[in-house]
Amino acid sequence: MKNSRYSREKWDQRWQEKSASAIGQPDDWLLRVLPYLPETGVALDLACGMGRNALGLAQAGYQVTAVDFSRVAIGVLRRAAARENLPVDAICADIEAADWRFPPRPYDLALQFYYLHRPLLPLLQNTVGPGGYVVIRTFSQAGEERFGSVNREISLMPGELLKWFSSWEVLLYEEGLEPSRKGGSLVGLLARKQL
């Protein structure tokens, strides 16, 4: 399988270099929205990397399915989950492949952090059951380009994420407030699917 934007070898190398350090704490945006979420449930973490958010959710009481393109990242996550005896099913898969399918179940919560592949957004919405939640934190073209130009392929237009979730109840949303080192700024969303 070949990811359309990056090779698996590139991602494996990136995570191999980072795996020497600790996995790290869950993202600040996830920590900020946790009080709005149910205390337990079934969660999906797409493009999970080494799994800092997946592990944080599992520690909080969720059963987590975590998916990433990198074998190295998934290996790190599997070892960390086993060490802590946490309910994390870590899957190595190319989620941009035409034949890839979401693990077949309705999720109470779906996460997508610092990753964007627009064709997956409707599929992500469909995998969440009624009353379930989506948490997204990714790159936006809003804000100043302090650290360089914005890669438009992996960043959202200002207000685009709200349009994607216009039929959902948006509980928290911010855009353009925090600069991104990849150019532009960040956008964060917590939304609940209608019952």
C-alpha atoms as a PDB file:
ATOM      1  CA  MET A   1       0.000   0.000   0.000  1.00  0.00           C
ATOM      2  CA  LYS A   2       1.279   3.444  -0.835  1.00  0.00           C
ATOM      3  CA  ASN A   3       0.064   6.616   0.816  1.00  0.00           C
ATOM      4  CA  SER A   4      -0.558   9.247  -1.830  1.00  0.00           C
ATOM      5  CA  ARG A   5       1.449  11.941  -0.038  1.00  0.00           C
ATOM      6  CA  TYR A   6       4.155  10.172   1.892  1.00  0.00           C
ATOM      7  CA  SER A   7       5.916   6.867   1.858  1.00  0.00           C
ATOM      8  CA  ARG A   8       5.548   4.481   4.767  1.00  0.00           C
ATOM      9  CA  GLU A   9       9.350   4.509   5.045  1.00  0.00           C
ATOM     10  CA  LYS A  10       9.334   8.274   5.622  1.00  0.00           C
ATOM     11  CA  TRP A  11       6.741   7.990   8.404  1.00  0.00           C
ATOM     12  CA  ASP A  12       8.517   4.991   9.938  1.00  0.00           C
ATOM     13  CA  GLN A  13      11.755   6.983  10.008  1.00  0.00           C
ATOM     14  CA  ARG A  14      10.013   9.986  11.549  1.00  0.00           C
ATOM     15  CA  TRP A  15       8.452   7.913  14.335  1.00  0.00           C
ATOM     16  CA  GLN A  16      11.662   5.909  14.850  1.00  0.00           C
ATOM     17  CA  GLU A  17      13.476   9.167  15.592  1.00  0.00           C
ATOM     18  CA  LYS A  18      10.726  10.278  17.989  1.00  0.00           C
ATOM     19  CA  SER A  19      10.336   6.891  19.682  1.00  0.00           C
ATOM     20  CA  ALA A  20      13.546   7.431  21.632  1.00  0.00           C
ATOM     21  CA  SER A  21      11.666  10.014  23.666  1.00  0.00           C
ATOM     22  CA  ALA A  22       8.486   9.508  25.655  1.00  0.00           C
ATOM     23  CA  ILE A  23       5.174   9.220  23.808  1.00  0.00           C
ATOM     24  CA  GLY A  24       4.004  12.345  25.581  1.00  0.00           C
ATOM     25  CA  GLN A  25       0.777  13.579  27.087  1.00  0.00           C
ATOM     26  CA  PRO A  26      -2.507  13.791  25.186  1.00  0.00           C
ATOM     27  CA  ASP A  27      -2.909  16.904  23.067  1.00  0.00           C
ATOM     28  CA  ASP A  28      -4.053  20.029  24.933  1.00  0.00           C
ATOM     29  CA  TRP A  29      -7.193  20.235  22.769  1.00  0.00           C
ATOM     30  CA  LEU A  30      -8.208  16.707  23.786  1.00  0.00           C
ATOM     31  CA  LEU A  31      -7.604  17.527  27.447  1.00  0.00           C
ATOM     32  CA  ARG A  32      -9.723  20.646  27.034  1.00  0.00           C
ATOM     33  CA  VAL A  33     -12.704  18.767  25.566  1.00  0.00           C
ATOM     34  CA  LEU A  34     -12.581  15.674  27.817  1.00  0.00           C
ATOM     35  CA  PRO A  35     -14.972  17.199  30.401  1.00  0.00           C
ATOM     36  CA  TYR A  36     -17.642  17.452  27.658  1.00  0.00           C
ATOM     37  CA  LEU A  37     -17.368  13.769  26.732  1.00  0.00           C
ATOM     38  CA  PRO A  38     -18.919  10.686  28.345  1.00  0.00           C
ATOM     39  CA  GLU A  39     -16.635   9.040  30.899  1.00  0.00           C
ATOM     40  CA  THR A  40     -16.483   5.761  28.967  1.00  0.00           C
ATOM     41  CA  GLY A  41     -17.225   4.433  25.521  1.00  0.00           C
ATOM     42  CA  VAL A  42     -15.748   3.113  22.318  1.00  0.00           C
ATOM     43  CA  ALA A  43     -13.379   5.470  20.500  1.00  0.00           C
ATOM     44  CA  LEU A  44     -11.590   5.616  17.152  1.00  0.00           C
ATOM     45  CA  ASP A  45      -8.321   7.544  16.750  1.00  0.00           C
ATOM     46  CA  LEU A  46      -7.388   8.078  13.082  1.00  0.00           C
ATOM     47  CA  ALA A  47      -3.774   8.843  12.140  1.00  0.00           C
ATOM     48  CA  CYS A  48      -2.879   8.222  15.773  1.00  0.00           C
ATOM     49  CA  GLY A  49       0.910   8.379  15.461  1.00  0.00           C
ATOM     50  CA  MET A  50       2.506   6.788  18.536  1.00  0.00           C
ATOM     51  CA  GLY A  51      -0.846   7.030  20.292  1.00  0.00           C
ATOM     52  CA  ARG A  52      -0.607   9.738  22.923  1.00  0.00           C
ATOM     53  CA  ASN A  53      -4.314  10.558  22.471  1.00  0.00           C
ATOM     54  CA  ALA A  54      -5.357   6.897  22.215  1.00  0.00           C
ATOM     55  CA  LEU A  55      -3.492   6.072  25.428  1.00  0.00           C
ATOM     56  CA  GLY A  56      -4.977   9.115  27.165  1.00  0.00           C
ATOM     57  CA  LEU A  57      -8.499   8.045  26.199  1.00  0.00           C
ATOM     58  CA  ALA A  58      -7.848   4.461  27.312  1.00  0.00           C
ATOM     59  CA  GLN A  59      -6.577   5.738  30.673  1.00  0.00           C
ATOM     60  CA  ALA A  60      -9.771   7.810  30.943  1.00  0.00           C
ATOM     61  CA  GLY A  61     -11.958   4.708  30.470  1.00  0.00           C
ATOM     62  CA  TYR A  62     -12.418   4.303  26.711  1.00  0.00           C
ATOM     63  CA  GLN A  63     -11.920   1.180  24.613  1.00  0.00           C
ATOM     64  CA  VAL A  64      -9.857   2.567  21.714  1.00  0.00           C
ATOM     65  CA  THR A  65      -9.194   1.509  18.144  1.00  0.00           C
ATOM     66  CA  ALA A  66      -6.172   3.445  16.895  1.00  0.00           C
ATOM     67  CA  VAL A  67      -5.082   3.464  13.250  1.00  0.00           C
ATOM     68  CA  ASP A  68      -1.891   4.778  11.654  1.00  0.00           C
ATOM     69  CA  PHE A  69       0.142   4.335   8.469  1.00  0.00           C
ATOM     70  CA  SER A  70       3.452   3.759  10.256  1.00  0.00           C
ATOM     71  CA  ARG A  71       4.433   0.305  11.474  1.00  0.00           C
ATOM     72  CA  VAL A  72       6.950   1.883  13.844  1.00  0.00           C
ATOM     73  CA  ALA A  73       4.339   4.158  15.448  1.00  0.00           C
ATOM     74  CA  ILE A  74       1.853   1.299  15.820  1.00  0.00           C
ATOM     75  CA  GLY A  75       4.569  -0.881  17.365  1.00  0.00           C
ATOM     76  CA  VAL A  76       5.370   1.811  19.937  1.00  0.00           C
ATOM     77  CA  LEU A  77       1.673   2.193  20.748  1.00  0.00           C
ATOM     78  CA  ARG A  78       1.096  -1.563  21.087  1.00  0.00           C
ATOM     79  CA  ARG A  79       4.013  -1.903  23.496  1.00  0.00           C
ATOM     80  CA  ALA A  80       2.876   1.080  25.582  1.00  0.00           C
ATOM     81  CA  ALA A  81      -0.721  -0.195  25.766  1.00  0.00           C
ATOM     82  CA  ALA A  82       0.463  -3.694  26.741  1.00  0.00           C
ATOM     83  CA  ARG A  83       2.821  -2.285  29.385  1.00  0.00           C
ATOM     84  CA  GLU A  84      -0.039  -0.324  30.966  1.00  0.00           C
ATOM     85  CA  ASN A  85      -2.663  -3.031  30.288  1.00  0.00           C
ATOM     86  CA  LEU A  86      -4.856  -0.546  28.395  1.00  0.00           C
ATOM     87  CA  PRO A  87      -7.695  -1.475  25.991  1.00  0.00           C
ATOM     88  CA  VAL A  88      -6.152  -0.213  22.740  1.00  0.00           C
ATOM     89  CA  ASP A  89      -6.458  -2.092  19.453  1.00  0.00           C
ATOM     90  CA  ALA A  90      -3.655  -0.602  17.323  1.00  0.00           C
ATOM     91  CA  ILE A  91      -4.011  -1.157  13.573  1.00  0.00           C
ATOM     92  CA  CYS A  92      -1.432  -0.385  10.884  1.00  0.00           C
ATOM     93  CA  ALA A  93      -3.263   0.654   7.709  1.00  0.00           C
ATOM     94  CA  ASP A  94      -3.182   3.152   4.873  1.00  0.00           C
ATOM     95  CA  ILE A  95      -6.410   5.012   5.587  1.00  0.00           C
ATOM     96  CA  GLU A  96      -6.133   6.855   2.285  1.00  0.00           C
ATOM     97  CA  ALA A  97      -6.178   3.609   0.271  1.00  0.00           C
ATOM     98  CA  ALA A  98      -9.309   3.185  -1.826  1.00  0.00           C
ATOM     99  CA  ASP A  99     -10.002  -0.254  -0.349  1.00  0.00           C
ATOM    100  CA  TRP A 100      -9.562   0.734   3.322  1.00  0.00           C
ATOM    101  CA  ARG A 101     -12.686   0.560   5.470  1.00  0.00           C
ATOM    102  CA  PHE A 102     -13.371   1.889   8.948  1.00  0.00           C
ATOM    103  CA  PRO A 103     -13.480  -0.843  11.597  1.00  0.00           C
ATOM    104  CA  PRO A 104     -17.151  -1.954  11.511  1.00  0.00           C
ATOM    105  CA  ARG A 105     -18.915  -0.568  14.557  1.00  0.00           C
ATOM    106  CA  PRO A 106     -20.576   2.636  15.624  1.00  0.00           C
ATOM    107  CA  TYR A 107     -18.191   4.646  17.763  1.00  0.00           C
ATOM    108  CA  ASP A 108     -19.094   6.905  20.666  1.00  0.00           C
ATOM    109  CA  LEU A 109     -16.129   9.118  19.850  1.00  0.00           C
ATOM    110  CA  ALA A 110     -13.859   9.638  16.838  1.00  0.00           C
ATOM    111  CA  LEU A 111     -10.621  11.640  16.878  1.00  0.00           C
ATOM    112  CA  GLN A 112      -8.567  13.117  14.089  1.00  0.00           C
ATOM    113  CA  PHE A 113      -5.516  15.167  15.111  1.00  0.00           C
ATOM    114  CA  TYR A 114      -3.023  16.964  12.849  1.00  0.00           C
ATOM    115  CA  TYR A 115      -4.072  15.047   9.787  1.00  0.00           C
ATOM    116  CA  LEU A 116      -6.413  15.914   6.940  1.00  0.00           C
ATOM    117  CA  HIS A 117      -7.698  13.853   4.046  1.00  0.00           C
ATOM    118  CA  ARG A 118     -11.012  15.409   3.075  1.00  0.00           C
ATOM    119  CA  PRO A 119     -12.546  12.254   1.516  1.00  0.00           C
ATOM    120  CA  LEU A 120     -12.414  10.637   4.973  1.00  0.00           C
ATOM    121  CA  LEU A 121     -14.490  13.309   6.723  1.00  0.00           C
ATOM    122  CA  PRO A 122     -17.911  11.957   5.610  1.00  0.00           C
ATOM    123  CA  LEU A 123     -16.782   8.420   6.461  1.00  0.00           C
ATOM    124  CA  LEU A 124     -15.621   9.599   9.877  1.00  0.00           C
ATOM    125  CA  GLN A 125     -19.013  11.207  10.457  1.00  0.00           C
ATOM    126  CA  ASN A 126     -20.810   8.015   9.431  1.00  0.00           C
ATOM    127  CA  THR A 127     -18.781   5.797  11.760  1.00  0.00           C
ATOM    128  CA  VAL A 128     -19.989   7.746  14.816  1.00  0.00           C
ATOM    129  CA  GLY A 129     -23.271   6.552  16.271  1.00  0.00           C
ATOM    130  CA  PRO A 130     -26.204   8.872  17.097  1.00  0.00           C
ATOM    131  CA  GLY A 131     -25.328  11.091  20.033  1.00  0.00           C
ATOM    132  CA  GLY A 132     -21.621  10.356  19.519  1.00  0.00           C
ATOM    133  CA  TYR A 133     -18.824  12.888  19.285  1.00  0.00           C
ATOM    134  CA  VAL A 134     -16.082  13.938  16.896  1.00  0.00           C
ATOM    135  CA  VAL A 135     -12.972  15.774  18.069  1.00  0.00           C
ATOM    136  CA  ILE A 136     -10.728  17.322  15.439  1.00  0.00           C
ATOM    137  CA  ARG A 137      -7.597  19.408  15.789  1.00  0.00           C
ATOM    138  CA  THR A 138      -5.707  20.182  12.611  1.00  0.00           C
ATOM    139  CA  PHE A 139      -4.164  22.846  10.426  1.00  0.00           C
ATOM    140  CA  SER A 140      -6.060  25.873   9.139  1.00  0.00           C
ATOM    141  CA  GLN A 141      -5.306  28.516   6.566  1.00  0.00           C
ATOM    142  CA  ALA A 142      -6.721  31.133   8.934  1.00  0.00           C
ATOM    143  CA  GLY A 143      -4.284  33.298  10.849  1.00  0.00           C
ATOM    144  CA  GLU A 144      -0.865  34.631  10.033  1.00  0.00           C
ATOM    145  CA  GLU A 145       1.743  32.573   8.203  1.00  0.00           C
ATOM    146  CA  ARG A 146       4.361  33.163  10.906  1.00  0.00           C
ATOM    147  CA  PHE A 147       6.387  30.012  10.380  1.00  0.00           C
ATOM    148  CA  GLY A 148       6.143  29.636   6.630  1.00  0.00           C
ATOM    149  CA  SER A 149       3.611  29.099   3.920  1.00  0.00           C
ATOM    150  CA  VAL A 150       0.550  26.929   4.444  1.00  0.00           C
ATOM    151  CA  ASN A 151       0.333  23.547   2.746  1.00  0.00           C
ATOM    152  CA  ARG A 152      -3.197  23.837   1.347  1.00  0.00           C
ATOM    153  CA  GLU A 153      -3.519  20.072   0.833  1.00  0.00           C
ATOM    154  CA  ILE A 154      -3.311  19.383   4.581  1.00  0.00           C
ATOM    155  CA  SER A 155      -5.008  22.509   5.926  1.00  0.00           C
ATOM    156  CA  LEU A 156      -8.604  23.674   6.038  1.00  0.00           C
ATOM    157  CA  MET A 157      -9.957  26.901   4.610  1.00  0.00           C
ATOM    158  CA  PRO A 158     -11.284  29.331   7.246  1.00  0.00           C
ATOM    159  CA  GLY A 159     -14.730  28.093   8.315  1.00  0.00           C
ATOM    160  CA  GLU A 160     -14.484  24.880   6.262  1.00  0.00           C
ATOM    161  CA  LEU A 161     -14.661  22.551   9.259  1.00  0.00           C
ATOM    162  CA  LEU A 162     -17.886  24.192  10.442  1.00  0.00           C
ATOM    163  CA  LYS A 163     -19.403  23.549   7.016  1.00  0.00           C
ATOM    164  CA  TRP A 164     -18.447  19.878   7.194  1.00  0.00           C
ATOM    165  CA  PHE A 165     -20.246  19.623  10.550  1.00  0.00           C
ATOM    166  CA  SER A 166     -23.163  21.975   9.878  1.00  0.00           C
ATOM    167  CA  SER A 167     -25.744  19.285  10.720  1.00  0.00           C
ATOM    168  CA  TRP A 168     -24.018  18.435  14.013  1.00  0.00           C
ATOM    169  CA  GLU A 169     -24.254  20.212  17.375  1.00  0.00           C
ATOM    170  CA  VAL A 170     -20.976  22.129  17.680  1.00  0.00           C
ATOM    171  CA  LEU A 171     -20.003  22.282  21.354  1.00  0.00           C
ATOM    172  CA  LEU A 172     -16.565  23.876  21.048  1.00  0.00           C
ATOM    173  CA  TYR A 173     -14.842  25.503  18.114  1.00  0.00           C
ATOM    174  CA  GLU A 174     -11.852  27.757  17.654  1.00  0.00           C
ATOM    175  CA  GLU A 175      -9.846  28.736  14.627  1.00  0.00           C
ATOM    176  CA  GLY A 176      -6.958  31.032  13.922  1.00  0.00           C
ATOM    177  CA  LEU A 177      -6.090  31.626  17.581  1.00  0.00           C
ATOM    178  CA  GLU A 178      -3.043  29.403  17.851  1.00  0.00           C
ATOM    179  CA  PRO A 179      -0.249  29.582  15.260  1.00  0.00           C
ATOM    180  CA  SER A 180       0.964  26.366  13.666  1.00  0.00           C
ATOM    181  CA  ARG A 181       4.619  25.668  13.018  1.00  0.00           C
ATOM    182  CA  LYS A 182       3.526  24.235   9.667  1.00  0.00           C
ATOM    183  CA  GLY A 183       2.140  27.629   8.613  1.00  0.00           C
ATOM    184  CA  GLY A 184      -1.203  29.291   9.228  1.00  0.00           C
ATOM    185  CA  SER A 185      -2.926  28.343  12.456  1.00  0.00           C
ATOM    186  CA  LEU A 186      -4.863  25.549  14.101  1.00  0.00           C
ATOM    187  CA  VAL A 187      -8.561  24.748  14.123  1.00  0.00           C
ATOM    188  CA  GLY A 188     -10.289  22.725  16.834  1.00  0.00           C
ATOM    189  CA  LEU A 189     -13.778  21.244  16.886  1.00  0.00           C
ATOM    190  CA  LEU A 190     -15.870  19.228  19.306  1.00  0.00           C
ATOM    191  CA  ALA A 191     -19.190  18.247  17.745  1.00  0.00           C
ATOM    192  CA  ARG A 192     -22.027  15.912  18.716  1.00  0.00           C
ATOM    193  CA  LYS A 193     -24.025  13.922  16.193  1.00  0.00           C
ATOM    194  CA  GLN A 194     -27.775  14.407  16.384  1.00  0.00           C
ATOM    195  CA  LEU A 195     -29.784  11.607  17.997  1.00  0.00           C
END
